[in-house]
Amino acid sequence: MATDVLMPRLSDSMEEGTVLKWIVQPGGEVKRGEPLVEIETDKANMTYEADTDGVLIEVLAQEGETLPIGQVIARIGAAGEEIADRRSQIAEPEPAAEEPEPAAEPASEPEPEPAREREPAPAAAGDGNGRVKASPVARRMAREMGVELAALEGSGPGGRIVKADVEAAAKGGVQVQERPAETAAPAPTPQTPHPTPASADGAKGEVRIQELTRLQRTVSRRMAESKATAPEFQLHVEIDMSLAVELRSRLKEVTDPAPSFNDMVVKAAAVALREFPRANGAYRDGQWELYSRVNVGIAVAAQEALVVPTVFDADQKSLGQIARDARELATKVRDGSITPPELSGGTFSVSNLGMYGIESFTAIINPPQAAILAVGALKKKAVVDDSGRVVARDMMGATLICDHRILYGADAAEFLARIRALLEQPLSLAL
């Protein structure tokens, strides 16, 4: 008997997935534990392994198609089941398609009525299973704008309805076909002799719509949640990194690769987090959650999105181990092999834009974490030393952004001061 392959849940926050590539083609042999299909989740692209042996009888979700968790995407069975399975697939839809026909005839005897009911049907973009093919963005916009997806004709791959189709329908371009009687009178279309594809403002030129990836949508949603819910404040300090620069030059002679300055920041933050438990916590539902493990997320830019992989138990790891972990995670993010477990479990985050010459910036808290540390560029600056002399020192700006529901001003100031002290006397970080 054939086994259904369902859209798997590959992360805690995953609600739907997009089939990127079928590794095994229909009719191909499937082995338990071997890659079957590549799926895009809300956090990363994942390879899903088959959980049974057999033959891939049929693929129900084509590449590029988005389906909710639990939806059947393929079937695996024995080679001899292929014909029987396809017959059952063909036999099932036919009665369902024929039943509405007799019901429709007695319901309305006049000829014009059935004709008007059947008119929108060819325009509906379906996937053969009664579900309209549309991107998640298009579905959300259709709900918000009151647009009927079944009445639209998709312009995306395979007739898929995309954001631009919904926008055009909301402006009246497609709904003319849906309700000819209503829109015929108040439709002064001759006033627009040269149609603009997606923009009514000719000064902007032609508009190209670019849909967000699942990862970009997740980042957008979580950042919007952070700004909407967390009452935040910022604290800024200048850190004298002169001794850290000396330490790194010595480490280069004995370690390959040598820890970066960001690795030192991660280590210093991890030590300070152990001493300040609320900075390593979260505010949830009117209470504080304080975590026993110190897991520091490091922001990495990749594929036009921001990904935050996690260095687990950073307070217990050496500076060298943190450096190795950070490089491995960054490589995985950039080549797309990062896994959801490596992107979850963070209790604090560090974001560094110093490599771009940014001296100071305000990052957005990664909810539900209590804070995020934004690190700027390390530069030579003129400062006044204890003896009153003006000297050149290696200075670095750091801004701590806090959720005021769990971190208060004095607590956050002490926490940030501890990070600065550790970086200004960095020998303990290398021990």
Protein backbone atom coordinates (compact mmCIF):
# COMPACT_ATOMS: atom_id res chain seq x y z
CA MET A 1 0.00 0.00 0.00
CA ALA A 2 1.32 3.43 -0.94
CA THR A 3 2.58 5.74 1.82
CA ASP A 4 1.79 9.46 1.75
CA VAL A 5 4.71 11.86 2.08
CA LEU A 6 3.46 14.92 3.98
CA MET A 7 4.92 18.43 4.06
CA PRO A 8 7.11 18.03 7.17
CA ARG A 9 7.49 20.45 10.09
CA LEU A 10 11.20 21.32 9.94
CA SER A 11 11.19 24.15 12.50
CA ASP A 12 9.10 25.22 15.48
CA SER A 13 7.78 28.32 13.72
CA MET A 14 7.19 26.66 10.33
CA GLU A 15 3.60 26.83 9.04
CA GLU A 16 4.16 26.00 5.38
CA GLY A 17 7.00 25.01 3.09
CA THR A 18 8.04 25.46 -0.52
CA VAL A 19 9.29 22.52 -2.58
CA LEU A 20 12.57 23.68 -4.11
CA LYS A 21 13.86 20.50 -5.76
CA TRP A 22 12.91 16.86 -5.96
CA ILE A 23 16.13 14.90 -5.48
CA VAL A 24 14.40 11.63 -6.42
CA GLN A 25 12.30 11.77 -9.59
CA PRO A 26 8.97 9.92 -10.11
CA GLY A 27 9.65 6.24 -10.64
CA GLY A 28 12.98 6.47 -8.85
CA GLU A 29 14.01 4.24 -5.98
CA VAL A 30 13.62 5.70 -2.48
CA LYS A 31 15.64 4.51 0.52
CA ARG A 32 14.95 5.30 4.14
CA GLY A 33 17.30 7.99 5.48
CA GLU A 34 18.41 9.20 2.04
CA PRO A 35 17.59 12.70 0.65
CA LEU A 36 14.21 12.88 -1.03
CA VAL A 37 13.31 16.55 -1.50
CA GLU A 38 14.74 19.99 -0.75
CA ILE A 39 12.29 22.27 1.08
CA GLU A 40 12.46 25.98 1.88
CA THR A 41 11.28 26.71 5.43
CA ASP A 42 10.89 30.00 7.27
CA LYS A 43 14.47 29.69 8.53
CA ALA A 44 16.55 27.81 5.98
CA ASN A 45 16.58 25.45 3.01
CA MET A 46 16.42 21.90 4.31
CA THR A 47 16.87 18.49 2.72
CA TYR A 48 14.12 16.11 3.86
CA GLU A 49 15.09 12.46 4.11
CA ALA A 50 12.69 9.65 3.26
CA ASP A 51 11.33 7.67 6.21
CA THR A 52 10.43 4.57 4.20
CA ASP A 53 11.78 2.40 1.38
CA GLY A 54 10.10 1.99 -1.99
CA VAL A 55 9.51 3.78 -5.28
CA LEU A 56 8.41 7.39 -5.71
CA ILE A 57 5.03 6.64 -7.33
CA GLU A 58 3.80 10.18 -7.76
CA VAL A 59 4.80 13.78 -7.02
CA LEU A 60 1.81 15.92 -6.02
CA ALA A 61 3.71 19.13 -5.18
CA GLN A 62 5.70 20.57 -8.05
CA GLU A 63 8.94 22.50 -7.61
CA GLY A 64 8.20 26.07 -6.54
CA GLU A 65 4.84 25.17 -5.01
CA THR A 66 4.03 26.24 -1.42
CA LEU A 67 1.93 23.95 0.76
CA PRO A 68 0.92 23.94 4.45
CA ILE A 69 2.36 21.46 6.94
CA GLY A 70 0.65 18.07 6.71
CA GLN A 71 -0.37 18.41 3.04
CA VAL A 72 0.44 15.38 0.86
CA ILE A 73 3.36 16.21 -1.43
CA ALA A 74 4.16 12.75 -2.84
CA ARG A 75 3.48 9.03 -2.51
CA ILE A 76 5.91 6.17 -2.02
CA GLY A 77 4.99 2.56 -2.72
CA ALA A 78 6.10 -0.57 -4.53
CA ALA A 79 6.85 -0.52 -8.24
CA GLY A 80 3.71 -2.55 -8.99
CA GLU A 81 1.45 -0.05 -7.22
CA GLU A 82 2.15 2.74 -9.70
CA ILE A 83 -0.74 1.98 -12.09
CA ALA A 84 -3.28 1.25 -9.33
CA ASP A 85 -2.39 4.41 -7.48
CA ARG A 86 -2.78 6.59 -10.57
CA ARG A 87 -6.14 4.98 -11.39
CA SER A 88 -7.42 5.83 -7.90
CA GLN A 89 -6.15 9.38 -8.37
CA ILE A 90 -8.00 9.74 -11.66
CA ALA A 91 -11.14 8.01 -10.35
CA GLU A 92 -11.55 10.20 -7.28
CA PRO A 93 -11.85 13.65 -8.87
CA GLU A 94 -14.34 12.53 -11.59
CA PRO A 95 -17.40 11.90 -9.35
CA ALA A 96 -16.62 15.08 -7.42
CA ALA A 97 -16.54 17.06 -10.66
CA GLU A 98 -19.75 15.46 -12.00
CA GLU A 99 -21.88 15.86 -8.85
CA PRO A 100 -22.20 19.67 -9.00
CA GLU A 101 -23.37 19.47 -12.66
CA PRO A 102 -26.78 17.78 -11.99
CA ALA A 103 -27.30 19.96 -8.90
CA ALA A 104 -26.63 23.11 -10.91
CA GLU A 105 -29.21 22.35 -13.67
CA PRO A 106 -32.40 22.02 -11.58
CA ALA A 107 -31.37 24.89 -9.31
CA SER A 108 -31.68 27.42 -12.13
CA GLU A 109 -33.65 26.51 -15.25
CA PRO A 110 -33.08 29.69 -17.27
CA GLU A 111 -30.13 29.46 -19.68
CA PRO A 112 -28.36 32.75 -18.78
CA GLU A 113 -28.00 31.90 -15.08
CA PRO A 114 -25.77 28.79 -15.38
CA ALA A 115 -23.71 30.51 -18.06
CA ARG A 116 -22.88 33.39 -15.74
CA GLU A 117 -21.95 31.02 -12.93
CA ARG A 118 -19.49 29.08 -15.09
CA GLU A 119 -17.80 32.14 -16.55
CA PRO A 120 -15.25 32.82 -13.78
CA ALA A 121 -14.26 29.16 -13.51
CA PRO A 122 -11.67 29.11 -16.32
CA ALA A 123 -9.89 32.10 -14.78
CA ALA A 124 -9.29 30.36 -11.46
CA ALA A 125 -5.70 29.24 -10.98
CA GLY A 126 -5.85 25.80 -9.37
CA ASP A 127 -3.41 23.02 -8.63
CA GLY A 128 -5.73 20.13 -9.47
CA ASN A 129 -6.63 19.51 -5.82
CA GLY A 130 -9.19 22.30 -5.44
CA ARG A 131 -6.67 24.72 -3.95
CA VAL A 132 -5.90 27.99 -5.70
CA LYS A 133 -2.20 28.35 -6.50
CA ALA A 134 -1.03 31.58 -4.90
CA SER A 135 1.98 32.86 -3.00
CA PRO A 136 1.58 33.41 0.78
CA VAL A 137 1.97 37.17 0.25
CA ALA A 138 -0.79 37.14 -2.36
CA ARG A 139 -3.10 35.19 -0.05
CA ARG A 140 -2.59 37.63 2.82
CA MET A 141 -3.12 40.67 0.58
CA ALA A 142 -6.25 39.12 -0.92
CA ARG A 143 -7.74 38.66 2.55
CA GLU A 144 -6.90 42.23 3.53
CA MET A 145 -8.20 43.77 0.28
CA GLY A 146 -11.28 41.55 -0.09
CA VAL A 147 -10.14 40.08 -3.42
CA GLU A 148 -11.48 36.66 -4.46
CA LEU A 149 -8.44 34.56 -5.43
CA ALA A 150 -10.52 32.04 -7.39
CA ALA A 151 -11.52 34.79 -9.83
CA LEU A 152 -7.96 35.77 -10.69
CA GLU A 153 -5.66 34.53 -13.41
CA GLY A 154 -2.11 34.16 -12.10
CA SER A 155 0.86 35.64 -13.93
CA GLY A 156 3.48 33.72 -11.93
CA PRO A 157 5.16 30.41 -12.82
CA GLY A 158 2.59 27.73 -13.65
CA GLY A 159 -0.27 30.22 -13.38
CA ARG A 160 0.54 31.00 -9.74
CA ILE A 161 -1.16 34.13 -8.37
CA VAL A 162 1.41 36.63 -7.10
CA LYS A 163 1.31 39.96 -5.29
CA ALA A 164 1.04 42.01 -8.51
CA ASP A 165 -2.10 40.07 -9.58
CA VAL A 166 -3.86 40.90 -6.30
CA GLU A 167 -2.84 44.56 -6.51
CA ALA A 168 -4.17 44.77 -10.07
CA ALA A 169 -7.43 43.12 -9.01
CA ALA A 170 -7.85 45.54 -6.11
CA LYS A 171 -7.50 48.46 -8.55
CA GLY A 172 -10.22 47.01 -10.75
CA GLY A 173 -8.12 45.53 -13.55
CA VAL A 174 -9.16 41.93 -13.03
CA GLN A 175 -12.42 42.32 -11.15
CA VAL A 176 -13.97 43.69 -14.35
CA GLN A 177 -14.06 40.08 -15.56
CA GLU A 178 -15.51 38.87 -12.26
CA ARG A 179 -18.45 41.29 -12.00
CA PRO A 180 -19.19 42.73 -15.44
CA ALA A 181 -22.60 44.10 -14.41
CA GLU A 182 -21.28 46.07 -11.43
CA THR A 183 -18.17 47.54 -12.98
CA ALA A 184 -19.47 48.27 -16.45
CA ALA A 185 -21.13 51.58 -15.49
CA PRO A 186 -18.51 53.26 -13.29
CA ALA A 187 -15.46 52.24 -15.32
CA PRO A 188 -14.04 55.25 -17.18
CA THR A 189 -11.12 53.27 -18.65
CA PRO A 190 -10.65 55.48 -21.74
CA GLN A 191 -8.98 58.09 -19.50
CA THR A 192 -5.88 55.87 -19.22
CA PRO A 193 -4.70 55.36 -22.84
CA HIS A 194 -1.27 53.94 -21.91
CA PRO A 195 -1.59 51.25 -19.20
CA THR A 196 1.13 51.11 -16.56
CA PRO A 197 1.93 47.53 -15.47
CA ALA A 198 2.03 47.95 -11.69
CA SER A 199 2.17 51.65 -10.91
CA ALA A 200 -0.25 54.53 -11.42
CA ASP A 201 2.58 56.99 -10.85
CA GLY A 202 4.40 57.35 -14.17
CA ALA A 203 7.16 59.39 -12.56
CA LYS A 204 8.48 56.25 -10.88
CA GLY A 205 8.82 54.38 -14.14
CA GLU A 206 8.01 50.71 -14.51
CA VAL A 207 7.68 48.89 -11.19
CA ARG A 208 9.23 45.46 -10.74
CA ILE A 209 7.62 43.41 -7.99
CA GLN A 210 9.99 41.17 -6.06
CA GLU A 211 8.44 38.64 -3.72
CA LEU A 212 10.15 37.98 -0.41
CA THR A 213 11.67 34.61 0.34
CA ARG A 214 10.26 32.69 3.27
CA LEU A 215 13.32 33.69 5.31
CA GLN A 216 12.88 37.38 4.45
CA ARG A 217 9.20 37.22 5.42
CA THR A 218 10.13 35.67 8.77
CA VAL A 219 12.76 38.35 9.45
CA SER A 220 10.26 41.09 8.56
CA ARG A 221 7.57 39.61 10.78
CA ARG A 222 9.82 39.10 13.78
CA MET A 223 11.37 42.56 13.53
CA ALA A 224 7.90 44.13 13.29
CA GLU A 225 6.84 42.12 16.35
CA SER A 226 9.87 43.39 18.25
CA LYS A 227 9.21 47.06 17.48
CA ALA A 228 5.50 46.70 18.21
CA THR A 229 5.77 44.92 21.56
CA ALA A 230 9.11 45.73 23.24
CA PRO A 231 9.47 49.15 24.93
CA GLU A 232 13.18 49.56 24.30
CA PHE A 233 15.98 51.93 25.25
CA GLN A 234 19.64 52.20 24.24
CA LEU A 235 22.93 52.69 26.04
CA HIS A 236 26.16 53.57 24.24
CA VAL A 237 29.82 53.29 25.30
CA GLU A 238 33.24 53.74 23.71
CA ILE A 239 35.57 50.83 24.40
CA ASP A 240 39.36 51.12 24.39
CA MET A 241 40.42 48.07 22.36
CA SER A 242 44.17 48.82 22.36
CA LEU A 243 45.05 45.81 24.54
CA ALA A 244 42.67 43.64 22.52
CA VAL A 245 44.53 44.65 19.34
CA GLU A 246 47.84 43.66 20.98
CA LEU A 247 46.38 40.36 22.17
CA ARG A 248 45.07 39.48 18.74
CA SER A 249 48.43 40.21 17.10
CA ARG A 250 50.05 37.74 19.54
CA LEU A 251 47.35 35.13 18.97
CA LYS A 252 47.98 35.32 15.23
CA GLU A 253 51.47 33.93 15.87
CA VAL A 254 50.18 30.81 17.64
CA THR A 255 46.62 30.28 16.37
CA ASP A 256 45.25 29.81 12.88
CA PRO A 257 42.81 31.35 12.38
CA ALA A 258 43.19 33.94 15.09
CA PRO A 259 39.99 35.00 16.91
CA SER A 260 38.41 38.13 15.46
CA PHE A 261 37.44 41.16 17.52
CA ASN A 262 33.82 40.07 17.18
CA ASP A 263 34.75 36.70 18.71
CA MET A 264 36.16 38.62 21.66
CA VAL A 265 32.91 40.58 21.94
CA VAL A 266 30.90 37.34 21.93
CA LYS A 267 33.11 35.86 24.65
CA ALA A 268 32.94 39.03 26.77
CA ALA A 269 29.16 39.19 26.39
CA ALA A 270 28.83 35.52 27.35
CA VAL A 271 30.87 36.01 30.55
CA ALA A 272 28.81 39.10 31.45
CA LEU A 273 25.54 37.28 30.72
CA ARG A 274 26.45 34.64 33.29
CA GLU A 275 26.86 37.41 35.87
CA PHE A 276 23.66 39.27 34.90
CA PRO A 277 20.90 36.62 34.54
CA ARG A 278 18.15 39.00 33.47
CA ALA A 279 20.16 40.07 30.43
CA ASN A 280 20.14 36.37 29.54
CA GLY A 281 16.36 36.11 29.84
CA ALA A 282 13.09 37.16 28.26
CA TYR A 283 9.80 38.80 29.17
CA ARG A 284 6.84 36.56 28.37
CA ASP A 285 3.20 36.82 29.41
CA GLY A 286 3.77 38.99 32.46
CA GLN A 287 6.74 37.07 33.83
CA TRP A 288 10.49 36.76 33.40
CA GLU A 289 12.14 33.69 31.91
CA LEU A 290 15.76 33.28 33.03
CA TYR A 291 17.77 30.71 31.08
CA SER A 292 20.44 28.42 32.50
CA ARG A 293 22.39 28.22 29.21
CA VAL A 294 24.17 31.18 27.64
CA ASN A 295 23.62 30.94 23.87
CA VAL A 296 24.84 33.94 21.89
CA GLY A 297 23.43 34.59 18.41
CA ILE A 298 25.70 36.26 15.85
CA ALA A 299 24.04 38.21 13.03
CA VAL A 300 25.23 37.13 9.57
CA ALA A 301 24.17 38.76 6.28
CA ALA A 302 23.35 36.28 3.51
CA GLN A 303 21.06 36.01 0.46
CA GLU A 304 19.59 39.49 0.97
CA ALA A 305 18.44 38.55 4.47
CA LEU A 306 19.72 38.57 8.03
CA VAL A 307 20.33 35.21 9.70
CA VAL A 308 21.31 34.75 13.35
CA PRO A 309 23.00 31.38 14.02
CA THR A 310 23.74 30.46 17.62
CA VAL A 311 26.97 29.79 19.50
CA PHE A 312 25.70 27.49 22.24
CA ASP A 313 27.13 27.61 25.79
CA ALA A 314 29.43 30.45 24.78
CA ASP A 315 30.29 31.20 28.41
CA GLN A 316 31.83 27.73 28.79
CA LYS A 317 33.81 27.77 25.53
CA SER A 318 37.32 29.07 24.99
CA LEU A 319 37.91 32.07 22.78
CA GLY A 320 39.45 29.77 20.15
CA GLN A 321 36.43 27.46 20.16
CA ILE A 322 34.06 30.41 19.78
CA ALA A 323 36.14 31.59 16.80
CA ARG A 324 35.93 28.16 15.15
CA ASP A 325 32.19 27.84 15.81
CA ALA A 326 31.48 31.33 14.49
CA ARG A 327 33.38 30.73 11.24
CA GLU A 328 31.67 27.39 10.67
CA LEU A 329 28.21 28.89 11.26
CA ALA A 330 28.90 31.87 8.97
CA THR A 331 30.06 29.50 6.20
CA LYS A 332 26.90 27.40 6.56
CA VAL A 333 24.70 30.49 6.38
CA ARG A 334 26.35 31.69 3.18
CA ASP A 335 26.28 28.34 1.40
CA GLY A 336 22.72 27.61 2.54
CA SER A 337 23.52 24.52 4.62
CA ILE A 338 22.57 26.00 8.01
CA THR A 339 19.92 23.95 9.87
CA PRO A 340 16.96 25.21 11.97
CA PRO A 341 18.44 23.89 15.27
CA GLU A 342 21.53 26.05 14.62
CA LEU A 343 19.29 29.10 14.20
CA SER A 344 17.24 28.62 17.37
CA GLY A 345 17.85 28.64 21.10
CA GLY A 346 19.62 32.01 21.28
CA THR A 347 19.36 33.93 24.57
CA PHE A 348 21.23 37.09 23.47
CA SER A 349 22.46 38.50 20.15
CA VAL A 350 25.48 40.41 18.83
CA SER A 351 25.26 42.41 15.59
CA ASN A 352 28.46 43.87 14.12
CA LEU A 353 28.59 46.37 11.23
CA GLY A 354 32.11 47.55 11.98
CA MET A 355 33.49 45.88 8.86
CA TYR A 356 31.42 48.35 6.81
CA GLY A 357 32.87 51.36 8.59
CA ILE A 358 29.73 52.00 10.67
CA GLU A 359 30.78 53.57 13.98
CA SER A 360 27.44 53.36 15.79
CA PHE A 361 23.96 52.01 15.06
CA THR A 362 20.78 50.80 16.74
CA ALA A 363 19.90 47.16 16.15
CA ILE A 364 16.47 45.58 16.65
CA ILE A 365 16.00 43.10 19.49
CA ASN A 366 15.49 39.51 18.35
CA PRO A 367 12.28 38.62 20.23
CA PRO A 368 11.79 37.41 22.88
CA GLN A 369 15.39 38.12 23.95
CA ALA A 370 16.03 40.84 26.52
CA ALA A 371 18.73 42.71 24.59
CA ILE A 372 21.04 42.91 21.59
CA LEU A 373 24.54 44.41 21.37
CA ALA A 374 25.30 46.51 18.28
CA VAL A 375 29.06 46.77 17.61
CA GLY A 376 30.65 49.48 15.47
CA ALA A 377 33.99 49.92 13.71
CA LEU A 378 37.33 49.80 15.51
CA LYS A 379 39.24 53.01 14.68
CA LYS A 380 42.23 55.00 15.85
CA LYS A 381 41.02 58.02 17.79
CA ALA A 382 42.60 60.82 19.80
CA VAL A 383 41.76 60.42 23.50
CA VAL A 384 42.98 61.97 26.72
CA ASP A 385 44.79 59.50 28.99
CA ASP A 386 44.95 59.54 32.81
CA SER A 387 47.92 61.92 32.78
CA GLY A 388 46.08 64.45 30.61
CA ARG A 389 48.02 63.71 27.42
CA VAL A 390 46.28 63.32 24.04
CA VAL A 391 47.16 59.90 22.65
CA ALA A 392 45.97 57.69 19.79
CA ARG A 393 43.98 54.67 20.97
CA ASP A 394 42.06 51.89 19.21
CA MET A 395 38.45 52.73 20.06
CA MET A 396 35.24 50.84 19.29
CA GLY A 397 31.64 51.93 19.83
CA ALA A 398 29.04 49.54 21.27
CA THR A 399 25.31 50.14 21.77
CA LEU A 400 23.14 47.95 23.99
CA ILE A 401 19.44 47.89 23.02
CA CYS A 402 17.25 46.61 25.87
CA ASP A 403 13.67 45.50 26.50
CA HIS A 404 12.62 47.75 29.38
CA ARG A 405 10.15 45.14 30.65
CA ILE A 406 13.01 42.98 31.94
CA LEU A 407 16.13 45.17 31.91
CA TYR A 408 16.13 48.53 33.68
CA GLY A 409 18.54 51.39 33.15
CA ALA A 410 20.91 50.68 36.04
CA ASP A 411 20.97 46.91 35.37
CA ALA A 412 21.72 47.44 31.70
CA ALA A 413 24.41 50.03 32.48
CA GLU A 414 26.21 47.63 34.81
CA PHE A 415 25.96 44.81 32.27
CA LEU A 416 27.39 46.97 29.47
CA ALA A 417 30.13 48.30 31.76
CA ARG A 418 31.14 44.71 32.52
CA ILE A 419 31.45 43.92 28.80
CA ARG A 420 33.61 47.02 28.33
CA ALA A 421 35.84 46.07 31.29
CA LEU A 422 36.39 42.57 29.89
CA LEU A 423 37.33 43.91 26.46
CA GLU A 424 39.65 46.58 27.84
CA GLN A 425 41.48 43.92 29.89
CA PRO A 426 41.08 41.00 27.46
CA LEU A 427 43.71 38.59 28.77
CA SER A 428 41.09 36.75 30.85
CA LEU A 429 39.09 36.07 27.67
CA ALA A 430 41.96 34.08 26.17
CA LEU A 431 42.57 31.93 29.25
